[in-house]
Amino acid sequence: MFKTIAIVLALAGSVNAAGFRQANQSASANGMGTAFTAVANDASAVWYNPAALTDLSGTNLSIGDVFVDPRTEHTSADGTTIDRPDNMVHSLPHVYATHKINNKFAVGLGVLVPYGLSTSWDDENSLTRKVATESSLKALYSNLNIAYKVNDKLSVAAGASFVKLDASMNKMVTVAGLQTVEQTLKGDGTAAGYNMAAMYKWNKWNFAANYHSQVKVDIDGTMQLPLTGILAGNAVDDDNAKTEITLPDTFQLAAAYKHGDKWLFSAEADYTDWTTYRQLDIAYTNASGVASVSHDYKYWNSVWAFRVGTEYKVNDTWKLRAGSYYDNTPVQDNFFETRNACSDRFGVSVGAGYPRGNLSVDVSYLYQKFLERRVQDSMQDNGITGGTTVLNGKYNTTARLPALTVNYKF
């Protein structure tokens, strides 16, 4: 029965960028469709391209949040609504601080959530409740960088991240056809990763690259399966459950072009190596003291996203931004499940920046439309729901992401 424990401590929700990665980590980047790697002209460069820190003078502080409002609907083949997860607004806070040490060196620190979100399906009426009810994940990164200006054209940077991951996951489980109970699972873990970046300037062009390493997190958690009576020996009551998850490598290759004093254009290709997410092995012990390991297979693919953005300087007071992107899903059709009702998607965004003295404010709004996902033969039904194809049907998702970042230069 514990084979039913799928994606332990791994997945967030239905509005995930390239799986459960979140590329939206500042209001300025959000407004340009996150095509920001070759721009990185504020303190969020700590994450998007720390090599650009050498271009920021003095000390800079940015504090903000990106809010994610997803809406998903599961319908039958004839268009009849079957299920909807609860509507929840998620928060992706970010804090960045930078300091230019001298003409050659600069440092930057960022605290942000590049992996996260959650879903909640009705535990009584949802057709897919035996696949997923509550799911949540938050990977908090503390990212420290140092940048070095090689010459007037080239800057490079390197950094390290301390990662704290917290997650929980529930589902309804029917055991031996006798009892249906909610299985709950919670856990956390810590790990470390590294990153590297470069920025090269040529005439009115910026060329940039940014890499974040994979991060392998060992997860220690507790599981509850409150069985009673003749099934009590199979119960699990806050016993330990262990697994590991590897957050993927990411790589961005980008270019930006400044046209006159008013216009800035940016484009980039963004790669996420989701081949790190192939299989999860979960170790646990039941009330009878029997230790077991369950195996869950995902076989996600590596994917690319393609982003473009622009910024127009109206005057010394206002900057206007816009952007768009197309993001591919790593989830194969036969491994689809409702913990991550992911599909290919596109996004469009608008934004504005308002500087006043040492203080500036960035705001943006991004709209995401996921392409309709049609499910006919998900393997997640096998052994979980007695072979019943409860996941079949069509899934449609949209999301709205308003963002606000306040910046101050000392």
Protein backbone atom coordinates (compact mmCIF):
# COMPACT_ATOMS: atom_id res chain seq x y z
CA MET A 1 0.00 0.00 0.00
CA PHE A 2 2.90 2.36 0.57
CA LYS A 3 3.59 2.21 -3.12
CA THR A 4 0.86 4.82 -3.20
CA ILE A 5 3.19 7.39 -1.67
CA ALA A 6 4.04 9.39 -4.76
CA ILE A 7 6.40 12.35 -5.08
CA VAL A 8 7.24 12.44 -1.41
CA LEU A 9 8.14 15.93 -0.24
CA ALA A 10 8.77 16.94 -3.81
CA LEU A 11 6.01 18.69 -5.67
CA ALA A 12 4.19 21.93 -5.25
CA GLY A 13 1.21 23.03 -7.22
CA SER A 14 -0.54 23.41 -10.48
CA VAL A 15 1.09 26.67 -11.57
CA ASN A 16 4.70 25.68 -11.64
CA ALA A 17 7.35 27.01 -13.99
CA ALA A 18 9.02 24.10 -15.79
CA GLY A 19 7.80 21.65 -13.16
CA PHE A 20 7.85 23.31 -9.74
CA ARG A 21 10.56 25.89 -10.44
CA GLN A 22 9.64 29.57 -10.02
CA ALA A 23 11.53 31.95 -12.33
CA ASN A 24 9.68 35.04 -11.04
CA GLN A 25 11.93 36.50 -8.35
CA SER A 26 11.52 40.30 -8.67
CA ALA A 27 8.96 42.77 -9.97
CA SER A 28 11.36 44.23 -12.54
CA ALA A 29 12.18 40.80 -14.02
CA ASN A 30 8.53 39.77 -13.84
CA GLY A 31 7.58 42.82 -15.91
CA MET A 32 10.02 41.81 -18.66
CA GLY A 33 8.79 38.23 -18.92
CA THR A 34 11.76 37.21 -16.71
CA ALA A 35 14.09 37.87 -19.67
CA PHE A 36 16.45 39.52 -17.20
CA THR A 37 19.76 37.63 -17.26
CA ALA A 38 21.46 40.08 -19.65
CA VAL A 39 19.79 43.10 -18.00
CA ALA A 40 20.20 42.53 -14.23
CA ASN A 41 20.41 46.27 -13.51
CA ASP A 42 19.12 46.21 -9.93
CA ALA A 43 19.80 44.25 -6.75
CA SER A 44 17.96 41.16 -8.06
CA ALA A 45 21.13 40.62 -10.13
CA VAL A 46 22.17 38.55 -7.09
CA TRP A 47 19.93 35.79 -8.50
CA TYR A 48 19.53 36.58 -12.21
CA ASN A 49 23.18 37.36 -12.97
CA PRO A 50 25.58 38.21 -10.12
CA ALA A 51 28.32 39.16 -12.61
CA ALA A 52 26.33 42.37 -13.14
CA LEU A 53 26.88 43.36 -9.49
CA THR A 54 30.05 45.22 -10.53
CA ASP A 55 27.84 47.73 -12.39
CA LEU A 56 25.83 48.65 -9.27
CA SER A 57 27.33 51.51 -7.29
CA GLY A 58 27.23 51.87 -3.51
CA THR A 59 24.95 49.67 -1.41
CA ASN A 60 21.55 48.53 -2.68
CA LEU A 61 18.65 46.87 -0.89
CA SER A 62 15.53 45.35 -2.50
CA ILE A 63 12.53 43.85 -0.71
CA GLY A 64 9.44 42.52 -2.43
CA ASP A 65 6.99 39.77 -3.21
CA VAL A 66 5.53 37.99 -6.22
CA PHE A 67 1.97 36.77 -5.65
CA VAL A 68 0.72 33.72 -7.58
CA ASP A 69 -3.02 33.20 -8.10
CA PRO A 70 -3.58 29.93 -10.04
CA ARG A 71 -6.90 28.49 -11.25
CA THR A 72 -7.17 24.87 -12.46
CA GLU A 73 -10.17 22.96 -13.77
CA HIS A 74 -10.43 19.22 -14.46
CA THR A 75 -13.17 18.33 -16.95
CA SER A 76 -14.34 15.14 -18.63
CA ALA A 77 -13.88 14.51 -22.34
CA ASP A 78 -17.28 16.09 -23.07
CA GLY A 79 -16.40 19.25 -21.11
CA THR A 80 -18.29 18.50 -17.88
CA THR A 81 -16.48 19.91 -14.84
CA ILE A 82 -15.22 17.15 -12.54
CA ASP A 83 -12.87 18.77 -10.04
CA ARG A 84 -11.32 22.08 -9.08
CA PRO A 85 -8.60 22.51 -6.44
CA ASP A 86 -9.13 25.19 -3.80
CA ASN A 87 -8.19 28.68 -4.95
CA MET A 88 -5.12 29.86 -3.04
CA VAL A 89 -2.90 32.91 -3.49
CA HIS A 90 0.76 32.01 -2.95
CA SER A 91 3.60 34.29 -1.93
CA LEU A 92 7.18 34.26 -3.28
CA PRO A 93 9.03 36.84 -1.15
CA HIS A 94 12.52 38.06 -2.03
CA VAL A 95 15.21 40.16 -0.33
CA TYR A 96 18.43 41.25 -2.03
CA ALA A 97 21.39 43.30 -0.79
CA THR A 98 24.49 44.32 -2.77
CA HIS A 99 27.65 46.27 -2.02
CA LYS A 100 30.40 47.50 -4.35
CA ILE A 101 33.69 47.02 -2.51
CA ASN A 102 35.90 48.81 -5.04
CA ASN A 103 36.30 49.17 -8.80
CA LYS A 104 36.95 45.46 -9.15
CA PHE A 105 34.87 43.62 -6.56
CA ALA A 106 31.24 43.54 -5.47
CA VAL A 107 29.23 41.22 -3.22
CA GLY A 108 25.56 40.34 -3.03
CA LEU A 109 23.20 38.34 -0.83
CA GLY A 110 19.72 37.11 -1.73
CA VAL A 111 17.01 35.27 0.19
CA LEU A 112 14.24 33.91 -2.04
CA VAL A 113 11.97 30.96 -2.89
CA PRO A 114 12.81 29.66 -6.39
CA TYR A 115 10.93 26.39 -5.84
CA GLY A 116 7.49 26.26 -4.27
CA LEU A 117 3.69 26.50 -4.20
CA SER A 118 0.89 24.14 -3.19
CA THR A 119 -2.37 22.48 -4.23
CA SER A 120 -5.45 21.36 -2.32
CA TRP A 121 -8.04 18.92 -3.75
CA ASP A 122 -11.21 18.03 -1.84
CA ASP A 123 -10.52 14.99 0.39
CA GLU A 124 -14.18 13.86 0.28
CA ASN A 125 -15.51 14.57 -3.21
CA SER A 126 -12.55 15.02 -5.53
CA LEU A 127 -12.32 12.19 -8.03
CA THR A 128 -8.52 12.28 -7.77
CA ARG A 129 -8.33 12.37 -3.95
CA LYS A 130 -6.51 9.00 -3.88
CA VAL A 131 -3.76 10.58 -5.96
CA ALA A 132 -3.50 13.87 -4.06
CA THR A 133 -5.31 16.03 -1.52
CA GLU A 134 -2.98 18.54 0.16
CA SER A 135 0.48 19.19 -1.29
CA SER A 136 2.96 21.93 -0.45
CA LEU A 137 6.63 22.71 -0.89
CA LYS A 138 8.95 25.61 -0.14
CA ALA A 139 12.66 25.65 -0.95
CA LEU A 140 14.20 28.73 0.69
CA TYR A 141 17.54 29.77 -0.82
CA SER A 142 20.11 31.98 0.92
CA ASN A 143 22.46 32.87 -1.93
CA LEU A 144 25.81 34.68 -1.41
CA ASN A 145 27.89 35.91 -4.39
CA ILE A 146 31.12 37.70 -5.14
CA ALA A 147 31.67 39.41 -8.50
CA TYR A 148 34.91 40.43 -10.18
CA LYS A 149 35.35 42.96 -12.99
CA VAL A 150 38.04 41.52 -15.26
CA ASN A 151 38.08 44.58 -17.52
CA ASP A 152 35.70 47.19 -18.92
CA LYS A 153 33.93 44.54 -20.99
CA LEU A 154 33.92 41.36 -18.90
CA SER A 155 32.70 40.60 -15.38
CA VAL A 156 32.41 37.17 -13.73
CA ALA A 157 30.90 35.91 -10.49
CA ALA A 158 30.60 32.84 -8.30
CA GLY A 159 28.41 32.05 -5.35
CA ALA A 160 26.99 29.48 -2.96
CA SER A 161 23.49 28.73 -1.71
CA PHE A 162 22.24 27.26 1.53
CA VAL A 163 18.90 25.60 0.87
CA LYS A 164 16.18 24.73 3.38
CA LEU A 165 13.32 22.66 2.03
CA ASP A 166 9.99 22.16 3.85
CA ALA A 167 7.18 20.08 2.39
CA SER A 168 4.03 18.15 3.18
CA MET A 169 1.78 15.83 1.20
CA ASN A 170 -1.55 14.12 1.87
CA LYS A 171 -3.83 11.72 0.02
CA MET A 172 -6.71 9.35 0.72
CA VAL A 173 -5.74 5.67 0.92
CA THR A 174 -8.05 2.62 0.87
CA VAL A 175 -6.45 -0.44 2.49
CA ALA A 176 -7.65 -3.98 1.70
CA GLY A 177 -10.99 -2.55 0.66
CA LEU A 178 -11.85 -2.10 4.34
CA GLN A 179 -10.77 1.36 5.49
CA THR A 180 -10.27 4.68 3.69
CA VAL A 181 -8.14 7.15 5.66
CA GLU A 182 -6.03 10.19 4.92
CA GLN A 183 -2.33 9.49 4.73
CA THR A 184 -0.19 12.49 5.71
CA LEU A 185 3.48 13.08 5.21
CA LYS A 186 5.68 15.97 6.34
CA GLY A 187 9.40 16.56 6.24
CA ASP A 188 12.31 18.92 5.75
CA GLY A 189 15.98 18.98 4.89
CA THR A 190 18.94 21.22 4.14
CA ALA A 191 21.65 21.19 1.48
CA ALA A 192 24.07 23.43 -0.40
CA GLY A 193 24.67 24.37 -4.03
CA TYR A 194 26.78 26.74 -6.10
CA ASN A 195 26.40 29.11 -9.04
CA MET A 196 28.51 30.89 -11.66
CA ALA A 197 27.80 33.80 -14.00
CA ALA A 198 29.38 36.05 -16.63
CA MET A 199 28.52 39.33 -18.36
CA TYR A 200 30.24 40.62 -21.49
CA LYS A 201 29.62 44.08 -22.97
CA TRP A 202 30.20 44.94 -26.62
CA ASN A 203 29.06 48.30 -27.98
CA LYS A 204 25.33 48.49 -27.17
CA TRP A 205 25.06 44.76 -26.46
CA ASN A 206 25.20 42.72 -23.26
CA PHE A 207 25.85 38.98 -23.51
CA ALA A 208 25.30 36.93 -20.38
CA ALA A 209 25.28 33.43 -18.92
CA ASN A 210 24.06 32.25 -15.53
CA TYR A 211 24.27 28.75 -13.99
CA HIS A 212 22.84 27.31 -10.77
CA SER A 213 23.91 23.82 -9.77
CA GLN A 214 21.65 20.95 -8.81
CA VAL A 215 21.01 20.58 -5.08
CA LYS A 216 20.53 17.16 -3.49
CA VAL A 217 18.40 17.41 -0.34
CA ASP A 218 18.10 14.54 2.16
CA ILE A 219 14.57 14.64 3.57
CA ASP A 220 13.68 13.48 7.08
CA GLY A 221 9.95 13.33 7.72
CA THR A 222 7.09 11.75 9.59
CA MET A 223 4.22 9.74 8.17
CA GLN A 224 0.74 9.06 9.53
CA LEU A 225 -1.68 6.38 8.34
CA PRO A 226 -4.34 5.99 11.07
CA LEU A 227 -5.59 2.44 10.47
CA THR A 228 -7.50 0.62 13.22
CA GLY A 229 -8.92 -2.80 14.04
CA ILE A 230 -7.59 -5.72 12.04
CA LEU A 231 -5.47 -3.33 9.97
CA ALA A 232 -3.81 -1.70 12.97
CA GLY A 233 -0.56 -3.55 12.33
CA ASN A 234 -0.22 -1.69 9.04
CA ALA A 235 -0.77 1.70 10.63
CA VAL A 236 1.92 4.35 10.67
CA ASP A 237 1.90 6.90 13.51
CA ASP A 238 4.48 9.67 13.21
CA ASP A 239 7.13 7.14 12.27
CA ASN A 240 10.15 8.26 10.33
CA ALA A 241 10.11 8.40 6.56
CA LYS A 242 13.21 9.24 4.56
CA THR A 243 13.91 10.11 0.95
CA GLU A 244 15.97 12.54 -1.10
CA ILE A 245 15.17 14.92 -3.88
CA THR A 246 17.56 16.63 -6.28
CA LEU A 247 16.57 20.12 -7.37
CA PRO A 248 17.72 20.63 -10.97
CA ASP A 249 20.57 22.46 -12.64
CA THR A 250 19.45 25.61 -14.44
CA PHE A 251 21.26 27.56 -17.14
CA GLN A 252 20.40 30.82 -18.92
CA LEU A 253 22.06 32.20 -22.03
CA ALA A 254 20.95 35.73 -22.90
CA ALA A 255 21.54 38.94 -24.85
CA ALA A 256 20.29 42.50 -24.39
CA TYR A 257 20.47 45.46 -26.74
CA LYS A 258 20.17 49.15 -25.86
CA HIS A 259 18.63 51.23 -28.64
CA GLY A 260 19.28 54.92 -28.06
CA ASP A 261 18.55 56.41 -24.66
CA LYS A 262 15.01 55.06 -24.44
CA TRP A 263 14.75 51.42 -25.44
CA LEU A 264 16.18 48.21 -24.00
CA PHE A 265 15.48 44.78 -25.57
CA SER A 266 16.30 41.39 -24.07
CA ALA A 267 16.03 37.74 -25.11
CA GLU A 268 17.16 34.50 -23.50
CA ALA A 269 17.01 30.73 -23.57
CA ASP A 270 16.45 29.09 -20.17
CA TYR A 271 17.32 25.40 -19.57
CA THR A 272 16.15 23.28 -16.62
CA ASP A 273 17.69 19.81 -16.23
CA TRP A 274 14.75 17.86 -14.81
CA THR A 275 16.49 14.54 -15.54
CA THR A 276 17.50 14.81 -11.87
CA TYR A 277 13.87 13.88 -11.12
CA ARG A 278 13.60 10.29 -12.29
CA GLN A 279 12.80 8.22 -9.22
CA LEU A 280 12.05 8.62 -5.51
CA ASP A 281 12.80 5.88 -2.99
CA ILE A 282 10.96 6.29 0.31
CA ALA A 283 12.02 4.35 3.41
CA TYR A 284 9.47 3.92 6.24
CA THR A 285 8.43 1.61 9.13
CA ASN A 286 4.87 0.58 10.04
CA ALA A 287 3.32 -0.13 13.47
CA SER A 288 4.45 -3.78 13.35
CA GLY A 289 8.05 -2.67 13.03
CA VAL A 290 8.39 -3.75 9.42
CA ALA A 291 10.82 -1.58 7.48
CA SER A 292 10.15 -1.12 3.78
CA VAL A 293 11.13 1.00 0.80
CA SER A 294 8.68 2.19 -1.84
CA HIS A 295 9.70 3.31 -5.30
CA ASP A 296 8.09 6.05 -7.32
CA TYR A 297 9.04 6.66 -10.95
CA LYS A 298 8.66 10.07 -12.62
CA TYR A 299 11.08 10.18 -15.58
CA TRP A 300 10.81 13.93 -16.13
CA ASN A 301 12.50 15.46 -19.17
CA SER A 302 14.89 18.38 -19.43
CA VAL A 303 13.15 21.43 -20.90
CA TRP A 304 13.77 24.85 -22.41
CA ALA A 305 11.93 28.12 -21.93
CA PHE A 306 12.32 31.05 -24.32
CA ARG A 307 11.84 34.63 -23.07
CA VAL A 308 11.79 38.14 -24.54
CA GLY A 309 11.37 41.48 -22.81
CA THR A 310 11.65 45.21 -23.31
CA GLU A 311 11.97 48.37 -21.23
CA TYR A 312 11.14 51.91 -22.34
CA LYS A 313 12.41 54.95 -20.43
CA VAL A 314 9.60 57.50 -20.60
CA ASN A 315 11.53 60.11 -18.64
CA ASP A 316 13.66 60.36 -15.51
CA THR A 317 10.63 59.36 -13.45
CA TRP A 318 9.05 56.41 -15.27
CA LYS A 319 10.16 53.19 -16.95
CA LEU A 320 7.67 50.92 -18.70
CA ARG A 321 8.25 47.21 -19.24
CA ALA A 322 6.70 44.32 -21.15
CA GLY A 323 7.61 40.72 -21.89
CA SER A 324 6.55 37.29 -23.04
CA TYR A 325 7.76 33.69 -22.88
CA TYR A 326 7.00 30.08 -23.79
CA ASP A 327 7.80 27.37 -21.23
CA ASN A 328 7.77 23.62 -21.90
CA THR A 329 6.55 21.05 -19.36
CA PRO A 330 8.93 18.30 -18.20
CA VAL A 331 6.06 15.92 -17.34
CA GLN A 332 5.42 13.11 -19.81
CA ASP A 333 1.79 12.31 -20.64
CA ASN A 334 1.72 8.88 -18.99
CA PHE A 335 3.34 10.21 -15.79
CA PHE A 336 0.85 13.05 -15.37
CA GLU A 337 -0.75 13.54 -11.95
CA THR A 338 -2.74 16.18 -10.09
CA ARG A 339 -0.01 17.13 -7.62
CA ASN A 340 1.45 18.94 -10.60
CA ALA A 341 -1.15 19.48 -13.33
CA CYS A 342 1.58 20.91 -15.51
CA SER A 343 1.54 21.57 -19.26
CA ASP A 344 3.31 23.75 -21.80
CA ARG A 345 2.44 27.38 -21.19
CA PHE A 346 2.98 30.92 -22.37
CA GLY A 347 3.05 34.17 -20.42
CA VAL A 348 2.72 37.88 -21.12
CA SER A 349 3.61 40.66 -18.72
CA VAL A 350 3.64 44.41 -18.19
CA GLY A 351 5.40 46.49 -15.56
CA ALA A 352 6.67 49.88 -14.50
CA GLY A 353 9.49 51.39 -12.48
CA TYR A 354 9.26 54.65 -10.55
CA PRO A 355 12.55 56.07 -9.16
CA ARG A 356 12.55 59.01 -6.78
CA GLY A 357 15.90 59.96 -5.32
CA ASN A 358 17.48 56.95 -3.62
CA LEU A 359 14.14 55.14 -3.50
CA SER A 360 12.50 53.30 -6.38
CA VAL A 361 9.45 51.08 -6.72
CA ASP A 362 8.84 48.38 -9.32
CA VAL A 363 5.42 46.86 -10.04
CA SER A 364 4.38 44.26 -12.59
CA TYR A 365 1.61 41.91 -13.65
CA LEU A 366 2.12 38.61 -15.48
CA TYR A 367 -0.59 36.41 -16.98
CA GLN A 368 0.05 32.73 -17.64
CA LYS A 369 -2.01 30.45 -19.86
CA PHE A 370 -1.31 26.73 -19.73
CA LEU A 371 -2.11 24.78 -22.87
CA GLU A 372 -4.94 22.31 -22.36
CA ARG A 373 -3.62 18.99 -21.05
CA ARG A 374 -5.55 15.91 -22.22
CA VAL A 375 -4.96 12.77 -20.15
CA GLN A 376 -5.90 9.30 -21.38
CA ASP A 377 -3.49 6.79 -19.84
CA SER A 378 -1.73 8.20 -16.77
CA MET A 379 0.35 5.55 -15.02
CA GLN A 380 -0.40 7.28 -11.70
CA ASP A 381 -3.75 5.45 -11.68
CA ASN A 382 -2.08 2.04 -11.68
CA GLY A 383 -2.06 0.53 -8.19
CA ILE A 384 -3.30 3.76 -6.64
CA THR A 385 -6.96 3.90 -7.54
CA GLY A 386 -7.59 0.24 -8.24
CA GLY A 387 -6.96 0.72 -11.95
CA THR A 388 -9.81 3.25 -12.28
CA THR A 389 -8.78 6.01 -14.67
CA VAL A 390 -9.82 8.89 -12.43
CA LEU A 391 -7.14 11.19 -13.87
CA ASN A 392 -8.50 10.98 -17.39
CA GLY A 393 -9.98 14.11 -18.90
CA LYS A 394 -8.85 17.63 -19.71
CA TYR A 395 -6.96 20.07 -17.47
CA ASN A 396 -6.98 23.83 -18.00
CA THR A 397 -4.95 26.22 -15.88
CA THR A 398 -4.40 29.98 -15.81
CA ALA A 399 -2.48 32.11 -13.34
CA ARG A 400 -2.02 35.75 -12.48
CA LEU A 401 1.20 37.01 -10.90
CA PRO A 402 1.23 40.60 -9.60
CA ALA A 403 4.54 41.69 -8.07
CA LEU A 404 5.94 44.56 -6.03
CA THR A 405 9.59 45.36 -5.18
CA VAL A 406 10.87 48.36 -3.23
CA ASN A 407 14.51 49.36 -3.76
CA TYR A 408 16.75 51.71 -1.79
CA LYS A 409 20.27 52.87 -2.58
CA PHE A 410 22.53 53.94 0.27
